[in-house]
Amino acid sequence: MSLYQPEPVEISTRMRPGEWTEASLEELVNTYRTRIVEMGASMSDVVTDIQRNDDGSVRVAVSWDKPANAGDEDTVTGGQTV
């Protein structure tokens, strides 16, 4: 039995107008990316989606797009062993 779960992992948030600046948005995205990498993702598996809305709000989603399982618990993405 494999503990590997191929479903994507996502960290996301929505911020209303006035709750963010370009600098704070960049800092938040970098923090989310770091957290995903700490979970075992390689930077090439990290996907960032920033949606800016007409009302000045923003939606940020940083995901780990996990590849399909190689069928071996010893080959978990990110070099982790189980």
PDB file of N, CA and C in Angstrom:
ATOM      1  N   MET A   1       0.841  -1.187   0.000  1.00  0.00           N
ATOM      2  CA  MET A   1       0.000   0.000   0.000  1.00  0.00           C
ATOM      3  C   MET A   1       0.882   1.245   0.000  1.00  0.00           C
ATOM      4  N   SER A   2       0.551   2.193  -0.831  1.00  0.00           N
ATOM      5  CA  SER A   2       1.331   3.414  -0.945  1.00  0.00           C
ATOM      6  C   SER A   2       0.675   4.547  -0.173  1.00  0.00           C
ATOM      7  N   LEU A   3       1.486   5.328   0.514  1.00  0.00           N
ATOM      8  CA  LEU A   3       0.995   6.502   1.224  1.00  0.00           C
ATOM      9  C   LEU A   3       0.972   7.723   0.329  1.00  0.00           C
ATOM     10  N   TYR A   4       1.549   7.621  -0.854  1.00  0.00           N
ATOM     11  CA  TYR A   4       1.641   8.749  -1.776  1.00  0.00           C
ATOM     12  C   TYR A   4       0.265   9.125  -2.306  1.00  0.00           C
ATOM     13  N   GLN A   5      -0.047  10.391  -2.245  1.00  0.00           N
ATOM     14  CA  GLN A   5      -1.322  10.897  -2.745  1.00  0.00           C
ATOM     15  C   GLN A   5      -1.038  11.844  -3.911  1.00  0.00           C
ATOM     16  N   PRO A   6      -1.457  11.496  -5.135  1.00  0.00           N
ATOM     17  CA  PRO A   6      -1.128  12.324  -6.295  1.00  0.00           C
ATOM     18  C   PRO A   6      -1.963  13.594  -6.419  1.00  0.00           C
ATOM     19  N   GLU A   7      -2.951  13.786  -5.566  1.00  0.00           N
ATOM     20  CA  GLU A   7      -3.771  14.989  -5.665  1.00  0.00           C
ATOM     21  C   GLU A   7      -2.922  16.223  -5.389  1.00  0.00           C
ATOM     22  N   PRO A   8      -3.236  17.317  -6.050  1.00  0.00           N
ATOM     23  CA  PRO A   8      -2.457  18.541  -5.813  1.00  0.00           C
ATOM     24  C   PRO A   8      -2.673  19.088  -4.405  1.00  0.00           C
ATOM     25  N   VAL A   9      -1.678  19.776  -3.904  1.00  0.00           N
ATOM     26  CA  VAL A   9      -1.752  20.479  -2.630  1.00  0.00           C
ATOM     27  C   VAL A   9      -1.841  21.956  -2.975  1.00  0.00           C
ATOM     28  N   GLU A  10      -2.726  22.691  -2.304  1.00  0.00           N
ATOM     29  CA  GLU A  10      -2.887  24.112  -2.615  1.00  0.00           C
ATOM     30  C   GLU A  10      -2.971  24.926  -1.343  1.00  0.00           C
ATOM     31  N   ILE A  11      -2.292  26.064  -1.359  1.00  0.00           N
ATOM     32  CA  ILE A  11      -2.428  27.082  -0.328  1.00  0.00           C
ATOM     33  C   ILE A  11      -2.986  28.299  -1.046  1.00  0.00           C
ATOM     34  N   SER A  12      -4.099  28.819  -0.571  1.00  0.00           N
ATOM     35  CA  SER A  12      -4.709  29.939  -1.278  1.00  0.00           C
ATOM     36  C   SER A  12      -5.387  30.900  -0.315  1.00  0.00           C
ATOM     37  N   THR A  13      -5.617  32.093  -0.802  1.00  0.00           N
ATOM     38  CA  THR A  13      -6.329  33.107  -0.033  1.00  0.00           C
ATOM     39  C   THR A  13      -6.935  34.120  -0.988  1.00  0.00           C
ATOM     40  N   ARG A  14      -7.884  34.860  -0.479  1.00  0.00           N
ATOM     41  CA  ARG A  14      -8.463  35.991  -1.203  1.00  0.00           C
ATOM     42  C   ARG A  14      -8.332  37.210  -0.307  1.00  0.00           C
ATOM     43  N   MET A  15      -7.981  38.327  -0.920  1.00  0.00           N
ATOM     44  CA  MET A  15      -7.837  39.565  -0.160  1.00  0.00           C
ATOM     45  C   MET A  15      -8.679  40.650  -0.799  1.00  0.00           C
ATOM     46  N   ARG A  16      -9.347  41.411   0.032  1.00  0.00           N
ATOM     47  CA  ARG A  16     -10.209  42.491  -0.452  1.00  0.00           C
ATOM     48  C   ARG A  16      -9.375  43.712  -0.823  1.00  0.00           C
ATOM     49  N   PRO A  17      -9.975  44.632  -1.555  1.00  0.00           N
ATOM     50  CA  PRO A  17      -9.269  45.868  -1.903  1.00  0.00           C
ATOM     51  C   PRO A  17      -8.787  46.566  -0.629  1.00  0.00           C
ATOM     52  N   GLY A  18      -7.570  47.056  -0.663  1.00  0.00           N
ATOM     53  CA  GLY A  18      -6.993  47.761   0.479  1.00  0.00           C
ATOM     54  C   GLY A  18      -6.310  46.858   1.483  1.00  0.00           C
ATOM     55  N   GLU A  19      -6.465  45.544   1.354  1.00  0.00           N
ATOM     56  CA  GLU A  19      -5.834  44.608   2.287  1.00  0.00           C
ATOM     57  C   GLU A  19      -4.447  44.171   1.832  1.00  0.00           C
ATOM     58  N   TRP A  20      -4.038  44.611   0.647  1.00  0.00           N
ATOM     59  CA  TRP A  20      -2.761  44.162   0.130  1.00  0.00           C
ATOM     60  C   TRP A  20      -2.108  45.254  -0.699  1.00  0.00           C
ATOM     61  N   THR A  21      -0.796  45.144  -0.835  1.00  0.00           N
ATOM     62  CA  THR A  21      -0.005  45.987  -1.734  1.00  0.00           C
ATOM     63  C   THR A  21       0.791  45.046  -2.628  1.00  0.00           C
ATOM     64  N   GLU A  22       1.416  45.588  -3.656  1.00  0.00           N
ATOM     65  CA  GLU A  22       2.246  44.740  -4.523  1.00  0.00           C
ATOM     66  C   GLU A  22       3.351  44.068  -3.715  1.00  0.00           C
ATOM     67  N   ALA A  23       3.952  44.807  -2.773  1.00  0.00           N
ATOM     68  CA  ALA A  23       5.032  44.240  -1.955  1.00  0.00           C
ATOM     69  C   ALA A  23       4.517  43.134  -1.043  1.00  0.00           C
ATOM     70  N   SER A  24       3.360  43.362  -0.397  1.00  0.00           N
ATOM     71  CA  SER A  24       2.838  42.329   0.498  1.00  0.00           C
ATOM     72  C   SER A  24       2.357  41.110  -0.289  1.00  0.00           C
ATOM     73  N   LEU A  25       1.854  41.329  -1.501  1.00  0.00           N
ATOM     74  CA  LEU A  25       1.431  40.226  -2.358  1.00  0.00           C
ATOM     75  C   LEU A  25       2.637  39.365  -2.743  1.00  0.00           C
ATOM     76  N   GLU A  26       3.720  40.003  -3.135  1.00  0.00           N
ATOM     77  CA  GLU A  26       4.938  39.273  -3.495  1.00  0.00           C
ATOM     78  C   GLU A  26       5.465  38.470  -2.306  1.00  0.00           C
ATOM     79  N   GLU A  27       5.451  39.077  -1.129  1.00  0.00           N
ATOM     80  CA  GLU A  27       5.916  38.400   0.084  1.00  0.00           C
ATOM     81  C   GLU A  27       5.033  37.184   0.395  1.00  0.00           C
ATOM     82  N   LEU A  28       3.719  37.341   0.265  1.00  0.00           N
ATOM     83  CA  LEU A  28       2.792  36.253   0.519  1.00  0.00           C
ATOM     84  C   LEU A  28       3.024  35.091  -0.447  1.00  0.00           C
ATOM     85  N   VAL A  29       3.176  35.398  -1.728  1.00  0.00           N
ATOM     86  CA  VAL A  29       3.413  34.362  -2.732  1.00  0.00           C
ATOM     87  C   VAL A  29       4.711  33.619  -2.432  1.00  0.00           C
ATOM     88  N   ASN A  30       5.761  34.343  -2.083  1.00  0.00           N
ATOM     89  CA  ASN A  30       7.041  33.703  -1.750  1.00  0.00           C
ATOM     90  C   ASN A  30       6.909  32.805  -0.526  1.00  0.00           C
ATOM     91  N   THR A  31       6.138  33.235   0.456  1.00  0.00           N
ATOM     92  CA  THR A  31       5.907  32.429   1.658  1.00  0.00           C
ATOM     93  C   THR A  31       5.172  31.141   1.298  1.00  0.00           C
ATOM     94  N   TYR A  32       4.137  31.252   0.484  1.00  0.00           N
ATOM     95  CA  TYR A  32       3.380  30.072   0.063  1.00  0.00           C
ATOM     96  C   TYR A  32       4.261  29.107  -0.727  1.00  0.00           C
ATOM     97  N   ARG A  33       5.090  29.637  -1.624  1.00  0.00           N
ATOM     98  CA  ARG A  33       5.993  28.782  -2.402  1.00  0.00           C
ATOM     99  C   ARG A  33       6.958  28.033  -1.483  1.00  0.00           C
ATOM    100  N   THR A  34       7.509  28.745  -0.527  1.00  0.00           N
ATOM    101  CA  THR A  34       8.439  28.137   0.425  1.00  0.00           C
ATOM    102  C   THR A  34       7.763  27.017   1.201  1.00  0.00           C
ATOM    103  N   ARG A  35       6.538  27.246   1.637  1.00  0.00           N
ATOM    104  CA  ARG A  35       5.809  26.227   2.396  1.00  0.00           C
ATOM    105  C   ARG A  35       5.555  24.977   1.557  1.00  0.00           C
ATOM    106  N   ILE A  36       5.212  25.158   0.295  1.00  0.00           N
ATOM    107  CA  ILE A  36       4.977  24.018  -0.592  1.00  0.00           C
ATOM    108  C   ILE A  36       6.274  23.233  -0.809  1.00  0.00           C
ATOM    109  N   VAL A  37       7.378  23.938  -1.011  1.00  0.00           N
ATOM    110  CA  VAL A  37       8.677  23.278  -1.190  1.00  0.00           C
ATOM    111  C   VAL A  37       9.065  22.531   0.087  1.00  0.00           C
ATOM    112  N   GLU A  38       8.778  23.094   1.245  1.00  0.00           N
ATOM    113  CA  GLU A  38       9.068  22.411   2.510  1.00  0.00           C
ATOM    114  C   GLU A  38       8.267  21.117   2.654  1.00  0.00           C
ATOM    115  N   MET A  39       7.142  21.023   1.962  1.00  0.00           N
ATOM    116  CA  MET A  39       6.331  19.799   1.972  1.00  0.00           C
ATOM    117  C   MET A  39       6.920  18.723   1.064  1.00  0.00           C
ATOM    118  N   GLY A  40       7.915  19.093   0.263  1.00  0.00           N
ATOM    119  CA  GLY A  40       8.590  18.115  -0.584  1.00  0.00           C
ATOM    120  C   GLY A  40       8.522  18.384  -2.070  1.00  0.00           C
ATOM    121  N   ALA A  41       7.870  19.448  -2.476  1.00  0.00           N
ATOM    122  CA  ALA A  41       7.766  19.758  -3.906  1.00  0.00           C
ATOM    123  C   ALA A  41       9.081  20.313  -4.435  1.00  0.00           C
ATOM    124  N   SER A  42       9.350  20.035  -5.692  1.00  0.00           N
ATOM    125  CA  SER A  42      10.472  20.713  -6.346  1.00  0.00           C
ATOM    126  C   SER A  42       9.904  22.006  -6.938  1.00  0.00           C
ATOM    127  N   MET A  43      10.745  22.986  -7.155  1.00  0.00           N
ATOM    128  CA  MET A  43      10.267  24.271  -7.681  1.00  0.00           C
ATOM    129  C   MET A  43       9.568  24.094  -9.035  1.00  0.00           C
ATOM    130  N   SER A  44       9.968  23.094  -9.808  1.00  0.00           N
ATOM    131  CA  SER A  44       9.322  22.884 -11.107  1.00  0.00           C
ATOM    132  C   SER A  44       7.894  22.353 -10.969  1.00  0.00           C
ATOM    133  N   ASP A  45       7.547  21.828  -9.795  1.00  0.00           N
ATOM    134  CA  ASP A  45       6.195  21.330  -9.547  1.00  0.00           C
ATOM    135  C   ASP A  45       5.291  22.375  -8.895  1.00  0.00           C
ATOM    136  N   VAL A  46       5.838  23.550  -8.573  1.00  0.00           N
ATOM    137  CA  VAL A  46       5.068  24.595  -7.901  1.00  0.00           C
ATOM    138  C   VAL A  46       4.415  25.496  -8.953  1.00  0.00           C
ATOM    139  N   VAL A  47       3.102  25.640  -8.844  1.00  0.00           N
ATOM    140  CA  VAL A  47       2.328  26.442  -9.790  1.00  0.00           C
ATOM    141  C   VAL A  47       1.694  27.601  -9.026  1.00  0.00           C
ATOM    142  N   THR A  48       1.863  28.815  -9.541  1.00  0.00           N
ATOM    143  CA  THR A  48       1.315  30.007  -8.898  1.00  0.00           C
ATOM    144  C   THR A  48       0.265  30.640  -9.795  1.00  0.00           C
ATOM    145  N   ASP A  49      -0.881  30.960  -9.198  1.00  0.00           N
ATOM    146  CA  ASP A  49      -1.965  31.609  -9.944  1.00  0.00           C
ATOM    147  C   ASP A  49      -2.418  32.827  -9.143  1.00  0.00           C
ATOM    148  N   ILE A  50      -2.288  33.998  -9.733  1.00  0.00           N
ATOM    149  CA  ILE A  50      -2.731  35.244  -9.103  1.00  0.00           C
ATOM    150  C   ILE A  50      -3.828  35.827  -9.986  1.00  0.00           C
ATOM    151  N   GLN A  51      -4.985  36.019  -9.398  1.00  0.00           N
ATOM    152  CA  GLN A  51      -6.127  36.558 -10.129  1.00  0.00           C
ATOM    153  C   GLN A  51      -6.478  37.920  -9.549  1.00  0.00           C
ATOM    154  N   ARG A  52      -6.290  38.941 -10.351  1.00  0.00           N
ATOM    155  CA  ARG A  52      -6.616  40.310  -9.939  1.00  0.00           C
ATOM    156  C   ARG A  52      -7.998  40.649 -10.483  1.00  0.00           C
ATOM    157  N   ASN A  53      -8.874  41.080  -9.596  1.00  0.00           N
ATOM    158  CA  ASN A  53     -10.250  41.380  -9.982  1.00  0.00           C
ATOM    159  C   ASN A  53     -10.450  42.872 -10.203  1.00  0.00           C
ATOM    160  N   ASP A  54     -11.458  43.207 -10.978  1.00  0.00           N
ATOM    161  CA  ASP A  54     -11.740  44.600 -11.317  1.00  0.00           C
ATOM    162  C   ASP A  54     -12.033  45.470 -10.092  1.00  0.00           C
ATOM    163  N   ASP A  55     -12.507  44.863  -9.016  1.00  0.00           N
ATOM    164  CA  ASP A  55     -12.838  45.635  -7.813  1.00  0.00           C
ATOM    165  C   ASP A  55     -11.628  45.899  -6.913  1.00  0.00           C
ATOM    166  N   GLY A  56     -10.435  45.436  -7.335  1.00  0.00           N
ATOM    167  CA  GLY A  56      -9.220  45.665  -6.554  1.00  0.00           C
ATOM    168  C   GLY A  56      -8.881  44.523  -5.624  1.00  0.00           C
ATOM    169  N   SER A  57      -9.705  43.490  -5.594  1.00  0.00           N
ATOM    170  CA  SER A  57      -9.395  42.319  -4.778  1.00  0.00           C
ATOM    171  C   SER A  57      -8.452  41.406  -5.552  1.00  0.00           C
ATOM    172  N   VAL A  58      -7.889  40.453  -4.857  1.00  0.00           N
ATOM    173  CA  VAL A  58      -6.950  39.532  -5.479  1.00  0.00           C
ATOM    174  C   VAL A  58      -7.147  38.146  -4.875  1.00  0.00           C
ATOM    175  N   ARG A  59      -6.966  37.121  -5.712  1.00  0.00           N
ATOM    176  CA  ARG A  59      -6.990  35.733  -5.264  1.00  0.00           C
ATOM    177  C   ARG A  59      -5.630  35.142  -5.595  1.00  0.00           C
ATOM    178  N   VAL A  60      -5.018  34.500  -4.595  1.00  0.00           N
ATOM    179  CA  VAL A  60      -3.701  33.898  -4.756  1.00  0.00           C
ATOM    180  C   VAL A  60      -3.823  32.406  -4.478  1.00  0.00           C
ATOM    181  N   ALA A  61      -3.271  31.595  -5.360  1.00  0.00           N
ATOM    182  CA  ALA A  61      -3.228  30.150  -5.148  1.00  0.00           C
ATOM    183  C   ALA A  61      -1.857  29.642  -5.569  1.00  0.00           C
ATOM    184  N   VAL A  62      -1.199  28.952  -4.667  1.00  0.00           N
ATOM    185  CA  VAL A  62       0.077  28.319  -4.967  1.00  0.00           C
ATOM    186  C   VAL A  62      -0.141  26.821  -4.762  1.00  0.00           C
ATOM    187  N   SER A  63       0.139  26.040  -5.805  1.00  0.00           N
ATOM    188  CA  SER A  63      -0.160  24.612  -5.785  1.00  0.00           C
ATOM    189  C   SER A  63       1.075  23.778  -6.054  1.00  0.00           C
ATOM    190  N   TRP A  64       1.035  22.565  -5.540  1.00  0.00           N
ATOM    191  CA  TRP A  64       2.025  21.536  -5.847  1.00  0.00           C
ATOM    192  C   TRP A  64       1.328  20.591  -6.802  1.00  0.00           C
ATOM    193  N   ASP A  65       1.681  20.664  -8.051  1.00  0.00           N
ATOM    194  CA  ASP A  65       1.092  19.821  -9.073  1.00  0.00           C
ATOM    195  C   ASP A  65       1.857  18.510  -9.086  1.00  0.00           C
ATOM    196  N   LYS A  66       1.404  17.565  -8.264  1.00  0.00           N
ATOM    197  CA  LYS A  66       2.128  16.311  -8.092  1.00  0.00           C
ATOM    198  C   LYS A  66       2.001  15.427  -9.329  1.00  0.00           C
ATOM    199  N   PRO A  67       3.103  14.834  -9.747  1.00  0.00           N
ATOM    200  CA  PRO A  67       3.029  13.886 -10.859  1.00  0.00           C
ATOM    201  C   PRO A  67       2.375  12.582 -10.398  1.00  0.00           C
ATOM    202  N   ALA A  68       1.953  11.771 -11.339  1.00  0.00           N
ATOM    203  CA  ALA A  68       1.353  10.481 -11.006  1.00  0.00           C
ATOM    204  C   ALA A  68       2.359   9.622 -10.256  1.00  0.00           C
ATOM    205  N   ASN A  69       1.858   8.757  -9.423  1.00  0.00           N
ATOM    206  CA  ASN A  69       2.688   7.867  -8.618  1.00  0.00           C
ATOM    207  C   ASN A  69       3.509   6.942  -9.520  1.00  0.00           C
ATOM    208  N   ALA A  70       4.773   6.809  -9.185  1.00  0.00           N
ATOM    209  CA  ALA A  70       5.642   5.910  -9.923  1.00  0.00           C
ATOM    210  C   ALA A  70       5.429   4.466  -9.488  1.00  0.00           C
ATOM    211  N   GLY A  71       4.556   4.244  -8.481  1.00  0.00           N
ATOM    212  CA  GLY A  71       4.250   2.895  -8.032  1.00  0.00           C
ATOM    213  C   GLY A  71       5.194   2.356  -6.993  1.00  0.00           C
ATOM    214  N   ASP A  72       6.059   3.189  -6.464  1.00  0.00           N
ATOM    215  CA  ASP A  72       7.050   2.738  -5.515  1.00  0.00           C
ATOM    216  C   ASP A  72       7.129   3.737  -4.374  1.00  0.00           C
ATOM    217  N   GLU A  73       6.877   3.305  -3.158  1.00  0.00           N
ATOM    218  CA  GLU A  73       6.895   4.218  -2.014  1.00  0.00           C
ATOM    219  C   GLU A  73       8.252   4.883  -1.815  1.00  0.00           C
ATOM    220  N   ASP A  74       9.299   4.233  -2.307  1.00  0.00           N
ATOM    221  CA  ASP A  74      10.639   4.792  -2.128  1.00  0.00           C
ATOM    222  C   ASP A  74      10.952   5.898  -3.118  1.00  0.00           C
ATOM    223  N   THR A  75      10.054   6.168  -4.063  1.00  0.00           N
ATOM    224  CA  THR A  75      10.306   7.197  -5.067  1.00  0.00           C
ATOM    225  C   THR A  75       9.288   8.332  -4.966  1.00  0.00           C
ATOM    226  N   VAL A  76       8.931   8.700  -3.748  1.00  0.00           N
ATOM    227  CA  VAL A  76       7.985   9.790  -3.532  1.00  0.00           C
ATOM    228  C   VAL A  76       8.588  11.085  -4.029  1.00  0.00           C
ATOM    229  N   THR A  77       7.778  11.915  -4.673  1.00  0.00           N
ATOM    230  CA  THR A  77       8.242  13.196  -5.207  1.00  0.00           C
ATOM    231  C   THR A  77       8.966  13.994  -4.126  1.00  0.00           C
ATOM    232  N   GLY A  78      10.041  14.637  -4.497  1.00  0.00           N
ATOM    233  CA  GLY A  78      10.807  15.454  -3.565  1.00  0.00           C
ATOM    234  C   GLY A  78      11.931  14.678  -2.908  1.00  0.00           C
ATOM    235  N   GLY A  79      12.088  13.396  -3.256  1.00  0.00           N
ATOM    236  CA  GLY A  79      13.172  12.615  -2.716  1.00  0.00           C
ATOM    237  C   GLY A  79      12.918  12.097  -1.313  1.00  0.00           C
ATOM    238  N   GLN A  80      11.691  12.246  -0.818  1.00  0.00           N
ATOM    239  CA  GLN A  80      11.372  11.770   0.516  1.00  0.00           C
ATOM    240  C   GLN A  80      11.252  10.264   0.499  1.00  0.00           C
ATOM    241  N   THR A  81      11.620   9.633   1.591  1.00  0.00           N
ATOM    242  CA  THR A  81      11.384   8.202   1.717  1.00  0.00           C
ATOM    243  C   THR A  81      10.293   8.001   2.735  1.00  0.00           C
ATOM    244  N   VAL A  82       9.531   6.971   2.532  1.00  0.00           N
ATOM    245  CA  VAL A  82       8.394   6.695   3.407  1.00  0.00           C
ATOM    246  C   VAL A  82       8.722   5.523   4.284  1.00  0.00           C
TER     247      VAL A  82
END
